[in-house]
């Protein structure tokens, strides 16, 4: 396992954890009206189906990102997602609690698909066409998301700097995606330093913009 593979894997795991926090809220809300005996079934069935669908969507996104200029567009989209992670503090989720096991599972799966778009784009960009990275990253991060996401959410609420770390990971991935745009290979070969400057600049830009926006909002 070379350093580049390991670095990409760690980035994917980080993305899955950072963007997986909402999954814990969905699971809790969707299964809150179920009897105690059925809650665990709803959690494991709903999460399991959602994971399978997310893997398939991410693999599809990996191939879609090979379309000309889609890496560039995906990178720009991911910058927006990273920025929103910093400044969007409103809870706009409307999750209906299921009164039956099947209803709760359907709610968990549907909500995960709707909310998981940012995760799919981010992971596909970080994987750079390597399906093995996608699968390993998800498999490693799944138990962390299921059992640790509530703790992560609590820590993010208590230590706001962790949100900036998550946004920084996404911004770095966005910058790397743009440098891997096949139609711009000649440009980045000519200005090779941009392959390092762009991801770092993207991180600085997103974090600075989010910081300023949050300061203005508080004022």
C-alpha atoms as a PDB file:
ATOM      1  CA  UNK A   1       0.000   0.000   0.000  1.00  0.00           C
ATOM      2  CA  UNK A   2       1.784   3.160  -1.198  1.00  0.00           C
ATOM      3  CA  UNK A   3       1.642   6.584   0.460  1.00  0.00           C
ATOM      4  CA  UNK A   4      -0.663   8.092  -2.179  1.00  0.00           C
ATOM      5  CA  UNK A   5      -3.201   5.277  -1.760  1.00  0.00           C
ATOM      6  CA  UNK A   6      -3.077   5.562   2.046  1.00  0.00           C
ATOM      7  CA  UNK A   7      -3.435   9.360   1.934  1.00  0.00           C
ATOM      8  CA  UNK A   8      -6.452   9.135  -0.384  1.00  0.00           C
ATOM      9  CA  UNK A   9      -7.987   6.441   1.836  1.00  0.00           C
ATOM     10  CA  UNK A  10      -7.579   8.597   4.965  1.00  0.00           C
ATOM     11  CA  UNK A  11      -9.132  11.570   3.150  1.00  0.00           C
ATOM     12  CA  UNK A  12     -12.123   9.447   2.086  1.00  0.00           C
ATOM     13  CA  UNK A  13     -12.605   8.134   5.625  1.00  0.00           C
ATOM     14  CA  UNK A  14     -12.407  11.707   6.904  1.00  0.00           C
ATOM     15  CA  UNK A  15     -15.008  12.847   4.360  1.00  0.00           C
ATOM     16  CA  UNK A  16     -17.330   9.962   5.265  1.00  0.00           C
ATOM     17  CA  UNK A  17     -17.068  10.804   8.969  1.00  0.00           C
ATOM     18  CA  UNK A  18     -17.444  14.574   8.563  1.00  0.00           C
ATOM     19  CA  UNK A  19     -20.424  14.314   6.202  1.00  0.00           C
ATOM     20  CA  UNK A  20     -21.889  11.287   8.027  1.00  0.00           C
ATOM     21  CA  UNK A  21     -22.917  13.255  11.093  1.00  0.00           C
ATOM     22  CA  UNK A  22     -26.418  13.927   9.770  1.00  0.00           C
ATOM     23  CA  UNK A  23     -26.963  10.181   9.357  1.00  0.00           C
ATOM     24  CA  UNK A  24     -27.148   9.748  13.123  1.00  0.00           C
ATOM     25  CA  UNK A  25     -29.879  12.394  13.320  1.00  0.00           C
ATOM     26  CA  UNK A  26     -31.846  10.735  10.506  1.00  0.00           C
ATOM     27  CA  UNK A  27     -31.604   7.321  12.160  1.00  0.00           C
ATOM     28  CA  UNK A  28     -32.656   8.681  15.557  1.00  0.00           C
ATOM     29  CA  UNK A  29     -35.612  10.667  14.172  1.00  0.00           C
ATOM     30  CA  UNK A  30     -36.845   7.966  11.806  1.00  0.00           C
ATOM     31  CA  UNK A  31     -36.835   5.220  14.425  1.00  0.00           C
ATOM     32  CA  UNK A  32     -37.914   7.183  17.505  1.00  0.00           C
ATOM     33  CA  UNK A  33     -41.544   5.973  17.420  1.00  0.00           C
ATOM     34  CA  UNK A  34     -40.659   2.299  17.066  1.00  0.00           C
ATOM     35  CA  UNK A  35     -40.742  -0.137  19.983  1.00  0.00           C
ATOM     36  CA  UNK A  36     -37.332  -0.702  21.550  1.00  0.00           C
ATOM     37  CA  UNK A  37     -37.213  -4.233  20.116  1.00  0.00           C
ATOM     38  CA  UNK A  38     -37.512  -2.943  16.529  1.00  0.00           C
ATOM     39  CA  UNK A  39     -35.196   0.080  16.736  1.00  0.00           C
ATOM     40  CA  UNK A  40     -31.974  -1.883  16.244  1.00  0.00           C
ATOM     41  CA  UNK A  41     -33.488  -3.700  13.260  1.00  0.00           C
ATOM     42  CA  UNK A  42     -34.509  -0.375  11.699  1.00  0.00           C
ATOM     43  CA  UNK A  43     -31.040   1.057  12.300  1.00  0.00           C
ATOM     44  CA  UNK A  44     -29.145  -1.882  10.778  1.00  0.00           C
ATOM     45  CA  UNK A  45     -31.557  -2.528   7.898  1.00  0.00           C
ATOM     46  CA  UNK A  46     -31.913   1.147   6.996  1.00  0.00           C
ATOM     47  CA  UNK A  47     -28.202   1.879   7.303  1.00  0.00           C
ATOM     48  CA  UNK A  48     -27.255  -1.297   5.424  1.00  0.00           C
ATOM     49  CA  UNK A  49     -29.514  -0.533   2.452  1.00  0.00           C
ATOM     50  CA  UNK A  50     -28.426   3.107   2.433  1.00  0.00           C
ATOM     51  CA  UNK A  51     -24.774   2.043   2.359  1.00  0.00           C
ATOM     52  CA  UNK A  52     -25.310  -0.309  -0.599  1.00  0.00           C
ATOM     53  CA  UNK A  53     -27.087   2.433  -2.552  1.00  0.00           C
ATOM     54  CA  UNK A  54     -24.409   4.996  -1.652  1.00  0.00           C
ATOM     55  CA  UNK A  55     -21.625   2.660  -2.840  1.00  0.00           C
ATOM     56  CA  UNK A  56     -23.410   2.211  -6.169  1.00  0.00           C
ATOM     57  CA  UNK A  57     -23.994   5.965  -6.540  1.00  0.00           C
ATOM     58  CA  UNK A  58     -20.371   6.724  -5.687  1.00  0.00           C
ATOM     59  CA  UNK A  59     -19.070   4.171  -8.210  1.00  0.00           C
ATOM     60  CA  UNK A  60     -21.358   5.741 -10.822  1.00  0.00           C
ATOM     61  CA  UNK A  61     -20.050   9.195  -9.872  1.00  0.00           C
ATOM     62  CA  UNK A  62     -16.441   7.963 -10.195  1.00  0.00           C
ATOM     63  CA  UNK A  63     -17.115   7.057 -13.834  1.00  0.00           C
ATOM     64  CA  UNK A  64     -19.146  10.209 -14.482  1.00  0.00           C
ATOM     65  CA  UNK A  65     -16.232  12.337 -13.253  1.00  0.00           C
ATOM     66  CA  UNK A  66     -14.239  11.052 -16.256  1.00  0.00           C
ATOM     67  CA  UNK A  67     -16.477  13.143 -18.517  1.00  0.00           C
ATOM     68  CA  UNK A  68     -14.544  16.192 -19.845  1.00  0.00           C
ATOM     69  CA  UNK A  69     -14.618  19.205 -17.481  1.00  0.00           C
ATOM     70  CA  UNK A  70     -16.765  17.315 -14.959  1.00  0.00           C
ATOM     71  CA  UNK A  71     -13.812  17.147 -12.551  1.00  0.00           C
ATOM     72  CA  UNK A  72     -13.585  20.933 -12.749  1.00  0.00           C
ATOM     73  CA  UNK A  73     -17.332  21.380 -12.230  1.00  0.00           C
ATOM     74  CA  UNK A  74     -17.322  18.790  -9.436  1.00  0.00           C
ATOM     75  CA  UNK A  75     -14.459  20.613  -7.716  1.00  0.00           C
ATOM     76  CA  UNK A  76     -16.327  23.931  -7.858  1.00  0.00           C
ATOM     77  CA  UNK A  77     -19.461  22.222  -6.521  1.00  0.00           C
ATOM     78  CA  UNK A  78     -17.458  20.726  -3.669  1.00  0.00           C
ATOM     79  CA  UNK A  79     -16.089  24.179  -2.767  1.00  0.00           C
ATOM     80  CA  UNK A  80     -19.688  25.354  -2.385  1.00  0.00           C
ATOM     81  CA  UNK A  81     -20.481  22.301  -0.227  1.00  0.00           C
ATOM     82  CA  UNK A  82     -17.447  22.954   1.991  1.00  0.00           C
ATOM     83  CA  UNK A  83     -18.457  26.605   2.396  1.00  0.00           C
ATOM     84  CA  UNK A  84     -22.045  25.647   3.272  1.00  0.00           C
ATOM     85  CA  UNK A  85     -20.742  23.195   5.875  1.00  0.00           C
ATOM     86  CA  UNK A  86     -19.164  26.176   7.649  1.00  0.00           C
ATOM     87  CA  UNK A  87     -21.953  28.730   7.409  1.00  0.00           C
ATOM     88  CA  UNK A  88     -25.181  26.710   7.218  1.00  0.00           C
ATOM     89  CA  UNK A  89     -26.237  26.234  10.824  1.00  0.00           C
ATOM     90  CA  UNK A  90     -29.955  25.851  10.196  1.00  0.00           C
ATOM     91  CA  UNK A  91     -31.579  22.493  10.661  1.00  0.00           C
ATOM     92  CA  UNK A  92     -33.721  22.142   7.544  1.00  0.00           C
ATOM     93  CA  UNK A  93     -34.280  18.418   7.767  1.00  0.00           C
ATOM     94  CA  UNK A  94     -37.892  17.264   7.934  1.00  0.00           C
ATOM     95  CA  UNK A  95     -37.710  13.614   8.908  1.00  0.00           C
ATOM     96  CA  UNK A  96     -40.954  11.807   9.653  1.00  0.00           C
ATOM     97  CA  UNK A  97     -40.780   9.148  12.320  1.00  0.00           C
ATOM     98  CA  UNK A  98     -41.969   5.759  11.150  1.00  0.00           C
ATOM     99  CA  UNK A  99     -44.480   3.790  13.201  1.00  0.00           C
ATOM    100  CA  UNK A 100     -43.587   0.509  11.479  1.00  0.00           C
ATOM    101  CA  UNK A 101     -40.230  -1.098  10.782  1.00  0.00           C
ATOM    102  CA  UNK A 102     -40.619  -0.819   6.987  1.00  0.00           C
ATOM    103  CA  UNK A 103     -41.654   2.850   7.210  1.00  0.00           C
ATOM    104  CA  UNK A 104     -38.635   3.706   9.368  1.00  0.00           C
ATOM    105  CA  UNK A 105     -36.260   1.837   7.040  1.00  0.00           C
ATOM    106  CA  UNK A 106     -37.711   3.608   3.968  1.00  0.00           C
ATOM    107  CA  UNK A 107     -37.303   6.978   5.684  1.00  0.00           C
ATOM    108  CA  UNK A 108     -33.676   6.273   6.629  1.00  0.00           C
ATOM    109  CA  UNK A 109     -32.784   5.102   3.111  1.00  0.00           C
ATOM    110  CA  UNK A 110     -34.589   7.952   1.323  1.00  0.00           C
ATOM    111  CA  UNK A 111     -33.147  10.635   3.604  1.00  0.00           C
ATOM    112  CA  UNK A 112     -29.641   9.197   3.244  1.00  0.00           C
ATOM    113  CA  UNK A 113     -29.866   9.308  -0.568  1.00  0.00           C
ATOM    114  CA  UNK A 114     -31.136  12.893  -0.558  1.00  0.00           C
ATOM    115  CA  UNK A 115     -28.602  14.094   2.006  1.00  0.00           C
ATOM    116  CA  UNK A 116     -25.717  11.976   0.727  1.00  0.00           C
ATOM    117  CA  UNK A 117     -25.127  13.817  -2.549  1.00  0.00           C
ATOM    118  CA  UNK A 118     -22.304  15.900  -1.092  1.00  0.00           C
ATOM    119  CA  UNK A 119     -20.682  12.746   0.276  1.00  0.00           C
ATOM    120  CA  UNK A 120     -20.909  10.968  -3.091  1.00  0.00           C
ATOM    121  CA  UNK A 121     -19.285  13.867  -4.971  1.00  0.00           C
ATOM    122  CA  UNK A 122     -16.553  14.317  -2.348  1.00  0.00           C
ATOM    123  CA  UNK A 123     -15.641  10.619  -2.146  1.00  0.00           C
ATOM    124  CA  UNK A 124     -15.715  10.198  -5.935  1.00  0.00           C
ATOM    125  CA  UNK A 125     -13.345  13.146  -6.299  1.00  0.00           C
ATOM    126  CA  UNK A 126     -10.940  11.882  -3.636  1.00  0.00           C
ATOM    127  CA  UNK A 127     -10.951   8.340  -5.094  1.00  0.00           C
ATOM    128  CA  UNK A 128      -9.792   9.537  -8.540  1.00  0.00           C
ATOM    129  CA  UNK A 129     -11.315   6.524 -10.287  1.00  0.00           C
ATOM    130  CA  UNK A 130     -10.147   3.899  -7.783  1.00  0.00           C
ATOM    131  CA  UNK A 131     -13.237   1.835  -6.872  1.00  0.00           C
ATOM    132  CA  UNK A 132     -11.266  -0.121  -4.250  1.00  0.00           C
ATOM    133  CA  UNK A 133     -10.662   3.141  -2.382  1.00  0.00           C
ATOM    134  CA  UNK A 134     -14.376   3.904  -2.387  1.00  0.00           C
ATOM    135  CA  UNK A 135     -15.336   0.495  -0.983  1.00  0.00           C
ATOM    136  CA  UNK A 136     -12.557   0.312   1.647  1.00  0.00           C
ATOM    137  CA  UNK A 137     -13.198   3.903   2.741  1.00  0.00           C
ATOM    138  CA  UNK A 138     -16.909   3.248   3.241  1.00  0.00           C
ATOM    139  CA  UNK A 139     -16.355  -0.088   5.004  1.00  0.00           C
ATOM    140  CA  UNK A 140     -13.894   1.470   7.458  1.00  0.00           C
ATOM    141  CA  UNK A 141     -16.018   4.539   8.109  1.00  0.00           C
ATOM    142  CA  UNK A 142     -19.419   2.798   8.422  1.00  0.00           C
ATOM    143  CA  UNK A 143     -18.994   1.565  12.017  1.00  0.00           C
ATOM    144  CA  UNK A 144     -17.488   4.915  12.964  1.00  0.00           C
ATOM    145  CA  UNK A 145     -20.496   6.730  11.483  1.00  0.00           C
ATOM    146  CA  UNK A 146     -23.057   4.419  13.113  1.00  0.00           C
ATOM    147  CA  UNK A 147     -21.553   4.335  16.594  1.00  0.00           C
ATOM    148  CA  UNK A 148     -19.568   7.565  16.698  1.00  0.00           C
ATOM    149  CA  UNK A 149     -21.449  10.173  14.672  1.00  0.00           C
ATOM    150  CA  UNK A 150     -23.503  11.414  17.621  1.00  0.00           C
ATOM    151  CA  UNK A 151     -20.273  11.932  19.547  1.00  0.00           C
ATOM    152  CA  UNK A 152     -18.759  13.732  16.538  1.00  0.00           C
ATOM    153  CA  UNK A 153     -21.822  15.982  16.289  1.00  0.00           C
ATOM    154  CA  UNK A 154     -21.582  16.771  19.993  1.00  0.00           C
ATOM    155  CA  UNK A 155     -17.885  17.583  19.658  1.00  0.00           C
ATOM    156  CA  UNK A 156     -18.530  19.778  16.618  1.00  0.00           C
ATOM    157  CA  UNK A 157     -21.144  21.715  18.558  1.00  0.00           C
ATOM    158  CA  UNK A 158     -18.776  22.089  21.493  1.00  0.00           C
ATOM    159  CA  UNK A 159     -15.569  22.695  19.521  1.00  0.00           C
ATOM    160  CA  UNK A 160     -16.459  24.728  16.417  1.00  0.00           C
ATOM    161  CA  UNK A 161     -12.892  24.366  15.096  1.00  0.00           C
ATOM    162  CA  UNK A 162     -13.683  20.752  14.132  1.00  0.00           C
ATOM    163  CA  UNK A 163     -16.188  22.028  11.574  1.00  0.00           C
ATOM    164  CA  UNK A 164     -13.364  24.033  10.003  1.00  0.00           C
ATOM    165  CA  UNK A 165     -11.226  20.892   9.861  1.00  0.00           C
ATOM    166  CA  UNK A 166     -14.002  19.077   8.000  1.00  0.00           C
ATOM    167  CA  UNK A 167     -14.530  21.962   5.593  1.00  0.00           C
ATOM    168  CA  UNK A 168     -10.773  22.084   5.020  1.00  0.00           C
ATOM    169  CA  UNK A 169     -10.738  18.405   4.020  1.00  0.00           C
ATOM    170  CA  UNK A 170     -13.517  19.001   1.496  1.00  0.00           C
ATOM    171  CA  UNK A 171     -11.859  22.149   0.127  1.00  0.00           C
ATOM    172  CA  UNK A 172      -8.542  20.321  -0.309  1.00  0.00           C
ATOM    173  CA  UNK A 173     -10.330  17.515  -2.163  1.00  0.00           C
ATOM    174  CA  UNK A 174     -12.033  20.114  -4.384  1.00  0.00           C
ATOM    175  CA  UNK A 175      -8.678  21.636  -5.291  1.00  0.00           C
ATOM    176  CA  UNK A 176      -7.212  18.214  -6.103  1.00  0.00           C
ATOM    177  CA  UNK A 177     -10.241  17.387  -8.264  1.00  0.00           C
ATOM    178  CA  UNK A 178      -9.693  20.508 -10.368  1.00  0.00           C
ATOM    179  CA  UNK A 179      -6.000  19.726 -10.872  1.00  0.00           C
ATOM    180  CA  UNK A 180      -6.956  16.255 -12.155  1.00  0.00           C
ATOM    181  CA  UNK A 181      -9.206  17.648 -14.907  1.00  0.00           C
ATOM    182  CA  UNK A 182      -7.997  15.795 -18.028  1.00  0.00           C
ATOM    183  CA  UNK A 183      -8.792  18.698 -20.386  1.00  0.00           C
ATOM    184  CA  UNK A 184      -6.481  20.950 -18.334  1.00  0.00           C
ATOM    185  CA  UNK A 185      -3.542  18.517 -18.137  1.00  0.00           C
ATOM    186  CA  UNK A 186      -1.400  20.646 -20.458  1.00  0.00           C
ATOM    187  CA  UNK A 187      -2.058  23.766 -18.410  1.00  0.00           C
ATOM    188  CA  UNK A 188      -1.134  22.101 -15.107  1.00  0.00           C
ATOM    189  CA  UNK A 189       1.937  20.498 -16.712  1.00  0.00           C
ATOM    190  CA  UNK A 190       3.106  23.944 -17.819  1.00  0.00           C
ATOM    191  CA  UNK A 191       2.406  25.480 -14.419  1.00  0.00           C
ATOM    192  CA  UNK A 192       3.240  22.443 -12.286  1.00  0.00           C
ATOM    193  CA  UNK A 193       3.365  24.428  -9.038  1.00  0.00           C
ATOM    194  CA  UNK A 194      -0.375  25.068  -9.345  1.00  0.00           C
ATOM    195  CA  UNK A 195      -0.981  21.378  -8.625  1.00  0.00           C
ATOM    196  CA  UNK A 196       0.143  22.115  -5.064  1.00  0.00           C
ATOM    197  CA  UNK A 197      -0.862  25.780  -4.792  1.00  0.00           C
ATOM    198  CA  UNK A 198      -4.481  25.334  -5.942  1.00  0.00           C
ATOM    199  CA  UNK A 199      -5.592  22.806  -3.252  1.00  0.00           C
ATOM    200  CA  UNK A 200      -3.914  24.831  -0.488  1.00  0.00           C
ATOM    201  CA  UNK A 201      -5.344  28.104  -1.833  1.00  0.00           C
ATOM    202  CA  UNK A 202      -8.787  26.517  -1.999  1.00  0.00           C
ATOM    203  CA  UNK A 203      -8.567  25.529   1.664  1.00  0.00           C
ATOM    204  CA  UNK A 204      -7.477  29.033   2.675  1.00  0.00           C
ATOM    205  CA  UNK A 205     -10.208  30.661   0.561  1.00  0.00           C
ATOM    206  CA  UNK A 206     -13.032  28.491   1.919  1.00  0.00           C
ATOM    207  CA  UNK A 207     -11.955  28.719   5.558  1.00  0.00           C
ATOM    208  CA  UNK A 208     -11.399  32.481   5.359  1.00  0.00           C
ATOM    209  CA  UNK A 209     -14.746  33.094   3.628  1.00  0.00           C
ATOM    210  CA  UNK A 210     -16.588  30.890   6.128  1.00  0.00           C
ATOM    211  CA  UNK A 211     -14.855  32.530   9.083  1.00  0.00           C
ATOM    212  CA  UNK A 212     -15.723  36.040   7.884  1.00  0.00           C
ATOM    213  CA  UNK A 213     -19.341  35.055   7.123  1.00  0.00           C
ATOM    214  CA  UNK A 214     -19.755  33.527  10.589  1.00  0.00           C
ATOM    215  CA  UNK A 215     -18.251  36.609  12.233  1.00  0.00           C
ATOM    216  CA  UNK A 216     -20.658  38.868  10.323  1.00  0.00           C
ATOM    217  CA  UNK A 217     -23.610  36.618  11.208  1.00  0.00           C
ATOM    218  CA  UNK A 218     -22.730  36.726  14.914  1.00  0.00           C
ATOM    219  CA  UNK A 219     -22.305  40.511  14.808  1.00  0.00           C
END
